[in-house]
N, C-alpha and C. Protein backbone atom coordinates (compact mmCIF):
# COMPACT_ATOMS: atom_id res chain seq x y z
N MET A 1 173.31 6.02 26.57
CA MET A 1 172.67 6.62 27.51
C MET A 1 171.59 6.57 27.56
N LYS A 2 170.89 6.00 26.48
CA LYS A 2 168.98 5.87 26.76
C LYS A 2 169.15 4.42 27.32
N ILE A 3 169.89 3.46 27.41
CA ILE A 3 170.14 2.37 27.92
C ILE A 3 170.47 2.13 29.43
N ILE A 4 171.00 3.27 29.95
CA ILE A 4 170.99 3.99 31.35
C ILE A 4 169.97 4.36 31.74
N ASN A 5 169.59 4.99 31.20
CA ASN A 5 167.75 6.26 31.88
C ASN A 5 167.08 4.56 31.52
N TYR A 6 166.83 4.07 30.99
CA TYR A 6 166.02 2.94 31.14
C TYR A 6 166.48 1.80 32.23
N LEU A 7 168.02 1.29 32.38
CA LEU A 7 168.33 0.55 33.74
C LEU A 7 167.76 0.99 34.89
N ASN A 8 168.18 2.88 34.99
CA ASN A 8 167.63 3.41 36.06
C ASN A 8 166.02 3.19 36.27
N ILE A 9 165.48 3.55 35.15
CA ILE A 9 163.95 3.18 35.63
C ILE A 9 163.55 1.75 36.52
N VAL A 10 163.86 0.87 35.60
CA VAL A 10 163.58 -0.14 35.41
C VAL A 10 164.40 -0.77 37.16
N ILE A 11 165.18 0.07 37.74
CA ILE A 11 165.09 -0.22 38.51
C ILE A 11 164.64 0.70 40.02
N TRP A 12 164.49 1.29 39.59
CA TRP A 12 163.44 2.38 40.53
C TRP A 12 161.81 1.44 40.54
N TYR A 13 161.80 0.80 39.79
CA TYR A 13 160.26 0.56 39.81
C TYR A 13 160.66 -1.09 40.63
N LEU A 14 161.96 -1.81 40.26
CA LEU A 14 162.33 -3.05 41.35
C LEU A 14 162.40 -2.73 42.96
N PHE A 15 162.78 -1.50 43.33
CA PHE A 15 162.81 -1.11 44.49
C PHE A 15 161.34 -0.52 44.50
N ASN A 16 160.34 -0.18 44.41
CA ASN A 16 159.09 0.53 43.74
C ASN A 16 157.88 -0.83 43.92
N PHE A 17 158.09 -2.27 44.08
CA PHE A 17 157.78 -3.26 43.67
C PHE A 17 156.14 -2.87 43.59
N LYS A 18 155.33 -2.19 44.22
CA LYS A 18 153.94 -2.28 43.80
C LYS A 18 153.71 -1.89 42.59
N TYR A 19 154.36 -0.94 42.45
CA TYR A 19 154.48 0.11 40.51
C TYR A 19 155.09 -1.05 39.58
N ILE A 20 154.84 -2.29 39.77
CA ILE A 20 155.39 -3.35 38.80
C ILE A 20 154.75 -2.93 37.61
N PRO A 21 153.29 -3.30 37.79
CA PRO A 21 151.89 -3.70 36.74
C PRO A 21 152.12 -2.55 35.47
N ASN A 22 152.61 -1.07 36.62
CA ASN A 22 153.12 0.03 35.74
C ASN A 22 154.13 -0.46 34.31
N LEU A 23 155.22 -1.12 35.57
CA LEU A 23 156.27 -0.80 34.60
C LEU A 23 156.52 -2.23 33.39
N PHE A 24 155.42 -2.60 33.31
CA PHE A 24 154.49 -3.73 32.45
C PHE A 24 153.82 -3.09 31.48
N PHE A 25 153.33 -2.33 31.62
CA PHE A 25 152.61 -1.57 30.84
C PHE A 25 153.12 -0.50 30.22
N LEU A 26 154.29 0.43 31.15
CA LEU A 26 155.33 0.70 29.96
C LEU A 26 156.44 -0.15 28.89
N ILE A 27 156.96 -1.23 29.33
CA ILE A 27 157.30 -2.65 28.20
C ILE A 27 156.88 -2.70 27.17
N ASN A 28 155.25 -2.60 27.43
CA ASN A 28 154.43 -3.18 26.36
C ASN A 28 154.26 -2.18 25.65
N ASN A 29 154.36 -1.06 25.87
CA ASN A 29 154.11 0.24 24.87
C ASN A 29 155.42 -0.16 24.33
N LYS A 30 156.75 0.59 25.09
CA LYS A 30 158.08 0.56 24.52
C LYS A 30 157.98 -0.45 23.13
N ILE A 31 157.54 -2.09 23.01
CA ILE A 31 157.75 -2.93 22.71
C ILE A 31 156.62 -2.47 21.14
N LYS A 32 155.71 -1.90 21.34
CA LYS A 32 154.72 -1.81 20.07
C LYS A 32 155.57 -0.56 19.28
N GLU A 33 156.35 0.08 19.98
CA GLU A 33 156.63 1.85 19.67
C GLU A 33 157.66 1.09 18.45
N ILE A 34 158.42 0.18 19.23
CA ILE A 34 159.53 -0.43 18.76
C ILE A 34 159.04 -1.45 17.14
N PHE A 35 158.75 -1.89 17.65
CA PHE A 35 158.45 -3.29 16.65
C PHE A 35 157.19 -2.33 15.61
N LEU A 36 155.76 -2.27 16.18
CA LEU A 36 154.57 -2.21 15.57
C LEU A 36 155.26 -0.54 14.64
N LYS A 37 155.51 -0.43 15.27
CA LYS A 37 155.85 2.09 14.64
C LYS A 37 154.89 2.57 14.71
N GLU A 38 153.63 2.08 15.73
CA GLU A 38 152.99 3.19 16.16
C GLU A 38 153.20 4.42 16.42
N HIS A 39 154.17 5.11 16.33
CA HIS A 39 154.16 6.66 16.51
C HIS A 39 154.69 6.99 14.99
N LEU A 40 154.44 5.98 14.24
CA LEU A 40 155.03 6.66 12.91
C LEU A 40 153.69 6.70 11.98
N ARG A 41 152.71 6.08 12.61
CA ARG A 41 151.53 6.73 11.70
C ARG A 41 151.17 8.29 11.12
N PRO A 42 150.77 8.59 9.93
CA PRO A 42 150.55 10.45 9.38
C PRO A 42 149.77 10.45 10.45
N PHE A 43 150.12 12.16 10.55
CA PHE A 43 149.73 12.39 11.68
C PHE A 43 148.91 13.72 10.95
N HIS A 44 147.89 13.98 10.40
CA HIS A 44 147.05 15.17 9.69
C HIS A 44 146.51 15.86 10.14
N LEU A 45 147.03 17.57 9.98
CA LEU A 45 146.14 18.28 11.04
C LEU A 45 145.42 18.91 10.71
N LYS A 46 144.35 18.55 9.49
CA LYS A 46 143.09 18.96 8.75
C LYS A 46 142.21 18.30 9.68
N ASN A 47 142.52 17.21 10.34
CA ASN A 47 141.61 16.05 11.29
C ASN A 47 141.16 16.80 12.37
N LEU A 48 142.39 17.98 12.89
CA LEU A 48 141.74 18.77 14.16
C LEU A 48 141.00 19.49 14.10
N GLU A 49 140.44 20.10 15.10
CA GLU A 49 139.50 21.28 15.08
C GLU A 49 140.13 21.81 16.75
N PHE A 50 140.69 23.32 16.16
CA PHE A 50 140.76 24.53 16.96
C PHE A 50 140.11 25.06 17.44
N SER A 51 139.92 25.27 18.49
CA SER A 51 139.03 26.38 19.14
C SER A 51 140.07 27.55 20.17
N VAL A 52 139.65 29.01 20.10
CA VAL A 52 140.49 29.68 21.19
C VAL A 52 139.46 30.04 21.95
N HIS A 53 140.06 29.80 22.85
CA HIS A 53 138.94 30.17 24.14
C HIS A 53 137.89 31.31 24.34
N ASP A 54 138.00 32.05 23.20
CA ASP A 54 136.52 33.18 23.37
C ASP A 54 135.41 32.50 23.19
N ASP A 55 136.30 31.62 21.31
CA ASP A 55 135.11 31.09 20.93
C ASP A 55 134.48 29.95 21.09
N PHE A 56 135.03 28.98 22.41
CA PHE A 56 134.84 27.82 22.89
C PHE A 56 133.43 28.20 24.00
N PHE A 57 133.69 29.49 24.67
CA PHE A 57 133.01 30.07 25.80
C PHE A 57 132.00 30.46 25.07
N LYS A 58 131.74 30.81 23.93
CA LYS A 58 130.88 31.26 23.67
C LYS A 58 129.89 30.33 22.57
N LYS A 59 130.46 29.19 22.22
CA LYS A 59 129.88 28.13 21.82
C LYS A 59 129.45 26.98 22.77
N GLU A 60 129.87 27.22 24.16
CA GLU A 60 129.65 26.26 25.18
C GLU A 60 128.66 27.53 26.14
N SER A 61 128.37 27.96 25.56
CA SER A 61 127.54 29.42 26.44
C SER A 61 128.45 28.50 28.34
N ILE A 62 129.43 29.35 28.38
CA ILE A 62 129.82 29.28 29.75
C ILE A 62 130.58 30.96 29.59
N LYS A 63 130.81 30.91 30.58
CA LYS A 63 130.66 32.30 31.24
C LYS A 63 132.32 32.52 31.18
N SER A 64 133.25 33.04 31.02
CA SER A 64 134.17 33.19 31.58
C SER A 64 135.17 33.69 32.41
N LEU A 65 135.69 32.83 33.81
CA LEU A 65 135.95 33.50 35.27
C LEU A 65 137.26 33.17 35.42
N ASN A 66 137.97 33.97 36.16
CA ASN A 66 139.32 34.30 36.81
C ASN A 66 139.58 33.59 37.31
N PHE A 67 139.96 32.37 37.44
CA PHE A 67 140.37 31.91 38.58
C PHE A 67 141.96 32.74 39.19
N LYS A 68 142.79 32.88 38.40
CA LYS A 68 143.91 32.84 38.93
C LYS A 68 144.22 34.42 39.68
N ARG A 69 143.30 35.26 39.50
CA ARG A 69 142.75 36.41 40.22
C ARG A 69 142.41 35.74 41.40
N LYS A 70 141.86 34.74 41.61
CA LYS A 70 141.33 34.38 43.99
C LYS A 70 142.49 34.23 44.33
N LYS A 71 141.97 34.86 45.71
CA LYS A 71 143.07 34.52 46.52
C LYS A 71 143.67 33.46 47.75
N ILE A 72 143.04 32.62 46.88
CA ILE A 72 143.55 31.23 47.81
C ILE A 72 144.72 30.41 46.33
N TYR A 73 144.43 31.44 44.71
CA TYR A 73 145.06 30.79 44.03
C TYR A 73 146.60 31.00 44.61
N LEU A 74 146.61 32.76 44.34
CA LEU A 74 147.78 33.25 44.97
C LEU A 74 148.79 32.77 46.18
N GLU A 75 148.04 32.32 47.05
CA GLU A 75 148.67 32.51 48.40
C GLU A 75 149.10 30.89 48.39
N SER A 76 149.11 30.36 46.98
CA SER A 76 149.40 28.73 47.26
C SER A 76 150.62 29.13 46.11
N LEU A 77 150.57 29.89 45.48
CA LEU A 77 151.19 29.97 44.46
C LEU A 77 152.59 30.32 45.05
N LYS A 78 152.60 31.74 46.30
CA LYS A 78 153.45 32.06 46.73
C LYS A 78 154.38 30.85 47.66
N LYS A 79 153.10 30.12 48.26
CA LYS A 79 154.02 28.20 48.78
C LYS A 79 154.67 27.62 48.24
N ASN A 80 154.25 28.08 46.71
CA ASN A 80 154.91 26.18 45.80
C ASN A 80 155.77 27.36 45.08
N LYS A 81 156.19 28.48 45.30
CA LYS A 81 156.98 28.64 44.24
C LYS A 81 158.77 28.22 43.91
N LYS A 82 159.35 27.91 45.10
CA LYS A 82 160.25 27.60 45.05
C LYS A 82 160.31 25.67 44.40
N ILE A 83 158.95 24.98 44.87
CA ILE A 83 159.13 23.81 43.83
C ILE A 83 158.53 23.27 42.48
N ILE A 84 157.78 24.89 42.20
CA ILE A 84 156.81 24.57 40.66
C ILE A 84 157.85 23.76 39.57
N ARG A 85 159.38 24.28 39.68
CA ARG A 85 160.30 24.44 38.09
C ARG A 85 160.86 22.69 38.15
N ASN A 86 160.17 22.19 39.12
CA ASN A 86 160.27 20.59 39.17
C ASN A 86 159.29 19.75 38.99
N PHE A 87 158.07 20.49 38.51
CA PHE A 87 156.73 19.52 38.37
C PHE A 87 156.22 19.91 36.79
N GLY A 88 155.51 19.35 36.32
CA GLY A 88 154.70 19.69 35.31
C GLY A 88 154.29 20.92 35.36
N GLY A 89 153.81 22.04 34.34
CA GLY A 89 152.73 22.84 34.49
C GLY A 89 151.67 22.73 34.39
N GLU A 90 150.78 24.12 34.93
CA GLU A 90 149.52 23.83 35.77
C GLU A 90 148.21 23.25 34.27
N ALA A 91 147.27 23.30 34.57
CA ALA A 91 146.54 23.64 33.45
C ALA A 91 145.91 24.40 33.17
N ASP A 92 145.02 24.89 32.65
CA ASP A 92 144.80 25.92 32.07
C ASP A 92 142.91 25.66 33.25
N LEU A 93 143.51 26.65 34.14
CA LEU A 93 143.04 26.99 35.49
C LEU A 93 141.52 27.73 35.57
N ASN A 94 141.72 28.77 34.45
CA ASN A 94 140.28 29.33 34.55
C ASN A 94 139.47 28.81 33.53
N LEU A 95 139.48 28.00 32.51
CA LEU A 95 138.52 27.16 31.53
C LEU A 95 138.89 26.15 32.64
N LEU A 96 139.23 25.58 33.23
CA LEU A 96 138.70 24.49 34.99
C LEU A 96 137.30 24.99 35.29
N TYR A 97 137.68 25.91 35.96
CA TYR A 97 137.02 27.09 36.62
C TYR A 97 135.68 27.21 36.11
N SER A 98 136.22 27.82 35.02
CA SER A 98 134.72 27.90 34.43
C SER A 98 133.40 27.01 34.25
N ILE A 99 133.98 26.19 33.74
CA ILE A 99 133.61 24.71 33.35
C ILE A 99 133.11 24.51 34.51
N CYS A 100 133.56 23.98 35.60
CA CYS A 100 133.07 23.51 37.23
C CYS A 100 131.70 24.27 37.20
N ASN A 101 131.20 25.56 36.98
CA ASN A 101 130.42 26.69 37.37
C ASN A 101 129.14 26.25 36.11
N LYS A 102 129.78 25.44 35.25
CA LYS A 102 128.28 25.69 34.87
C LYS A 102 127.71 24.58 35.07
N PHE A 103 128.87 23.90 35.93
CA PHE A 103 127.84 22.59 36.59
C PHE A 103 126.42 22.72 37.48
N THR A 104 125.25 22.68 37.63
CA THR A 104 124.14 23.54 38.49
C THR A 104 123.72 22.01 39.36
N SER A 105 124.33 20.65 39.83
CA SER A 105 124.04 19.87 40.26
C SER A 105 124.33 20.02 41.41
N LYS A 106 123.48 19.85 42.60
CA LYS A 106 124.30 19.70 43.89
C LYS A 106 125.89 18.99 44.74
N ASN A 107 125.07 17.61 44.37
CA ASN A 107 125.65 16.60 44.32
C ASN A 107 126.81 16.30 43.21
N THR A 108 128.08 16.78 43.52
CA THR A 108 129.58 16.11 41.94
C THR A 108 130.33 15.18 42.87
N PHE A 109 130.55 14.81 41.58
CA PHE A 109 131.98 14.24 42.25
C PHE A 109 133.08 14.07 40.88
N ILE A 110 133.84 14.41 41.43
CA ILE A 110 135.03 14.48 40.16
C ILE A 110 136.29 13.47 40.59
N LEU A 111 136.70 12.95 39.22
CA LEU A 111 137.55 11.84 39.39
C LEU A 111 138.87 12.55 38.36
N GLU A 112 139.91 12.44 38.76
CA GLU A 112 140.98 13.16 38.51
C GLU A 112 142.29 12.62 38.35
N THR A 113 142.94 12.40 37.44
CA THR A 113 144.58 11.38 37.12
C THR A 113 145.19 12.33 36.81
N GLY A 114 146.41 12.19 37.41
CA GLY A 114 147.12 13.16 37.06
C GLY A 114 147.06 14.19 37.82
N VAL A 115 147.81 14.27 39.04
CA VAL A 115 147.61 15.31 40.12
C VAL A 115 148.88 16.57 40.05
N ALA A 116 150.44 15.98 39.68
CA ALA A 116 151.01 16.62 40.26
C ALA A 116 151.27 17.43 41.33
N LEU A 117 151.69 18.69 41.57
CA LEU A 117 151.46 19.75 42.55
C LEU A 117 150.03 20.23 43.10
N GLY A 118 148.92 19.84 42.29
CA GLY A 118 147.49 19.58 42.28
C GLY A 118 147.14 20.82 42.03
N TRP A 119 147.02 21.81 40.89
CA TRP A 119 146.80 23.02 40.58
C TRP A 119 144.93 22.70 40.06
N SER A 120 145.17 21.38 39.52
CA SER A 120 143.74 21.64 38.85
C SER A 120 142.37 21.39 40.38
N SER A 121 143.11 20.06 41.18
CA SER A 121 142.96 20.11 42.16
C SER A 121 142.74 21.23 42.78
N LEU A 122 143.25 22.05 43.21
CA LEU A 122 143.07 23.53 43.52
C LEU A 122 141.46 24.00 43.05
N VAL A 123 141.23 23.47 41.85
CA VAL A 123 140.51 24.47 41.29
C VAL A 123 139.20 23.27 41.43
N PHE A 124 139.21 22.42 41.29
CA PHE A 124 137.75 21.61 41.64
C PHE A 124 138.13 21.13 43.07
N LEU A 125 138.64 21.65 43.98
CA LEU A 125 138.40 21.29 45.33
C LEU A 125 137.26 22.95 45.65
N PHE A 126 138.19 24.27 45.35
CA PHE A 126 137.48 25.14 45.75
C PHE A 126 136.25 24.97 44.86
N PHE A 127 135.94 24.53 44.17
CA PHE A 127 134.31 24.35 43.15
C PHE A 127 133.47 23.48 44.34
N LEU A 128 134.11 23.18 44.67
CA LEU A 128 133.31 21.34 45.67
C LEU A 128 133.38 22.27 47.26
N SER A 129 134.06 23.02 47.48
CA SER A 129 133.92 23.81 48.73
C SER A 129 132.40 24.36 49.13
N LYS A 130 131.72 24.40 47.71
CA LYS A 130 130.83 25.21 47.64
C LYS A 130 129.02 24.30 47.49
N LYS A 131 129.45 23.18 47.40
CA LYS A 131 128.87 21.91 46.93
C LYS A 131 128.89 20.81 47.73
N ASN A 132 128.17 19.80 47.41
CA ASN A 132 127.77 18.66 48.08
C ASN A 132 129.21 18.07 47.10
N GLY A 133 129.97 16.89 47.21
CA GLY A 133 130.38 16.07 46.64
C GLY A 133 132.17 15.94 46.90
N PHE A 134 132.42 15.02 45.95
CA PHE A 134 134.12 14.78 46.58
C PHE A 134 134.90 14.72 45.45
N LEU A 135 136.25 15.27 45.44
CA LEU A 135 137.21 14.89 44.54
C LEU A 135 137.78 13.35 44.84
N PHE A 136 138.11 12.77 43.67
CA PHE A 136 138.69 11.25 43.95
C PHE A 136 139.99 12.00 43.21
N SER A 137 141.20 12.26 43.58
CA SER A 137 142.63 12.39 42.50
C SER A 137 143.33 10.96 42.81
N ILE A 138 144.55 10.27 41.62
CA ILE A 138 145.19 9.36 41.69
C ILE A 138 145.75 10.23 40.45
N ASP A 139 147.35 9.47 41.50
CA ASP A 139 148.57 10.03 40.88
C ASP A 139 149.32 9.27 41.19
N MET A 140 150.69 8.47 40.72
CA MET A 140 151.74 7.36 40.47
C MET A 140 152.64 8.34 41.12
N PRO A 141 153.97 7.92 41.88
CA PRO A 141 154.79 9.23 42.22
C PRO A 141 156.47 9.05 40.65
N TYR A 142 156.68 10.17 40.57
CA TYR A 142 158.03 10.92 39.46
C TYR A 142 159.11 9.39 39.73
N VAL A 143 158.90 8.51 38.46
CA VAL A 143 160.17 8.02 38.77
C VAL A 143 161.78 8.54 38.81
N ARG A 144 162.56 7.86 39.67
CA ARG A 144 163.37 8.40 40.07
C ARG A 144 163.08 10.14 40.85
N LYS A 145 162.25 9.85 40.93
CA LYS A 145 162.54 11.45 42.23
C LYS A 145 161.94 11.12 43.23
N PHE A 146 162.10 11.71 44.31
CA PHE A 146 162.15 11.61 45.96
C PHE A 146 161.20 12.46 46.35
N ASN A 147 160.37 12.89 45.20
CA ASN A 147 159.01 14.04 46.00
C ASN A 147 157.72 13.78 46.21
N PHE A 148 157.68 12.73 46.76
CA PHE A 148 156.57 11.84 47.15
C PHE A 148 155.68 12.68 47.96
N ASP A 149 156.36 13.69 48.49
CA ASP A 149 155.61 14.82 49.80
C ASP A 149 154.83 15.97 49.28
N TYR A 150 155.31 16.73 47.77
CA TYR A 150 154.98 17.58 46.82
C TYR A 150 153.89 17.47 45.95
N VAL A 151 153.13 15.68 46.00
CA VAL A 151 151.58 15.42 44.98
C VAL A 151 151.03 16.29 45.77
N GLY A 152 149.87 17.32 45.05
CA GLY A 152 148.92 17.51 45.24
C GLY A 152 149.43 18.76 46.79
N SER A 153 150.63 19.35 46.43
CA SER A 153 150.81 20.84 47.66
C SER A 153 150.55 21.91 47.28
N ALA A 154 149.44 21.68 46.43
CA ALA A 154 148.87 23.19 46.03
C ALA A 154 147.91 23.25 46.97
N VAL A 155 147.43 22.23 46.78
CA VAL A 155 146.11 22.17 47.85
C VAL A 155 146.36 22.41 49.51
N PRO A 156 145.32 24.02 49.51
CA PRO A 156 145.49 23.85 51.10
C PRO A 156 145.02 22.85 52.64
N ASN A 157 145.36 22.50 53.37
CA ASN A 157 144.46 21.96 54.28
C ASN A 157 143.70 22.03 54.87
N SER A 158 142.53 23.31 54.35
CA SER A 158 140.95 23.62 54.70
C SER A 158 140.54 23.19 53.20
N LEU A 159 141.00 23.12 52.60
CA LEU A 159 140.24 22.11 51.07
C LEU A 159 140.25 20.67 51.31
N ARG A 160 141.05 19.83 51.91
CA ARG A 160 141.11 18.70 51.60
C ARG A 160 140.31 17.75 52.67
N ASN A 161 139.67 18.44 52.82
CA ASN A 161 138.05 16.98 53.28
C ASN A 161 137.30 16.75 52.25
N LYS A 162 137.48 16.91 51.24
CA LYS A 162 137.22 17.01 50.30
C LYS A 162 137.13 15.61 48.96
């Protein structure tokens, strides 16, 4: 069954040839995984540092703000309710919004990779609507899904000028 899935992915890339460099990247990683066993390296939890939100906010002197209560988020959530389950989940929007509001610069430029529905884009653009600056978002289409129109759909047209 895995071989059929891999063949379907390769076929998708052949029909969407402008993404072929990414296919070579995936193949290279798969070869490394199989022959070099990189994925079997020991992973030690003791090397990780865990922090709960409250500790992080205190440590970094960031005021915790609740983006998920904002009208713009609730309207976008209602609009995208039917397609949400077909995409990855949203980021920690409250954390992103709190970090954004820590910036004091009037000119802010943000580079975002991996947009999906655009929940984090919504946070960034809402923040940038009060500042001078722009968001540069990059995403690739999902393999074997015909959802190009959904990428970034959480962002309302009123914020897309940034």
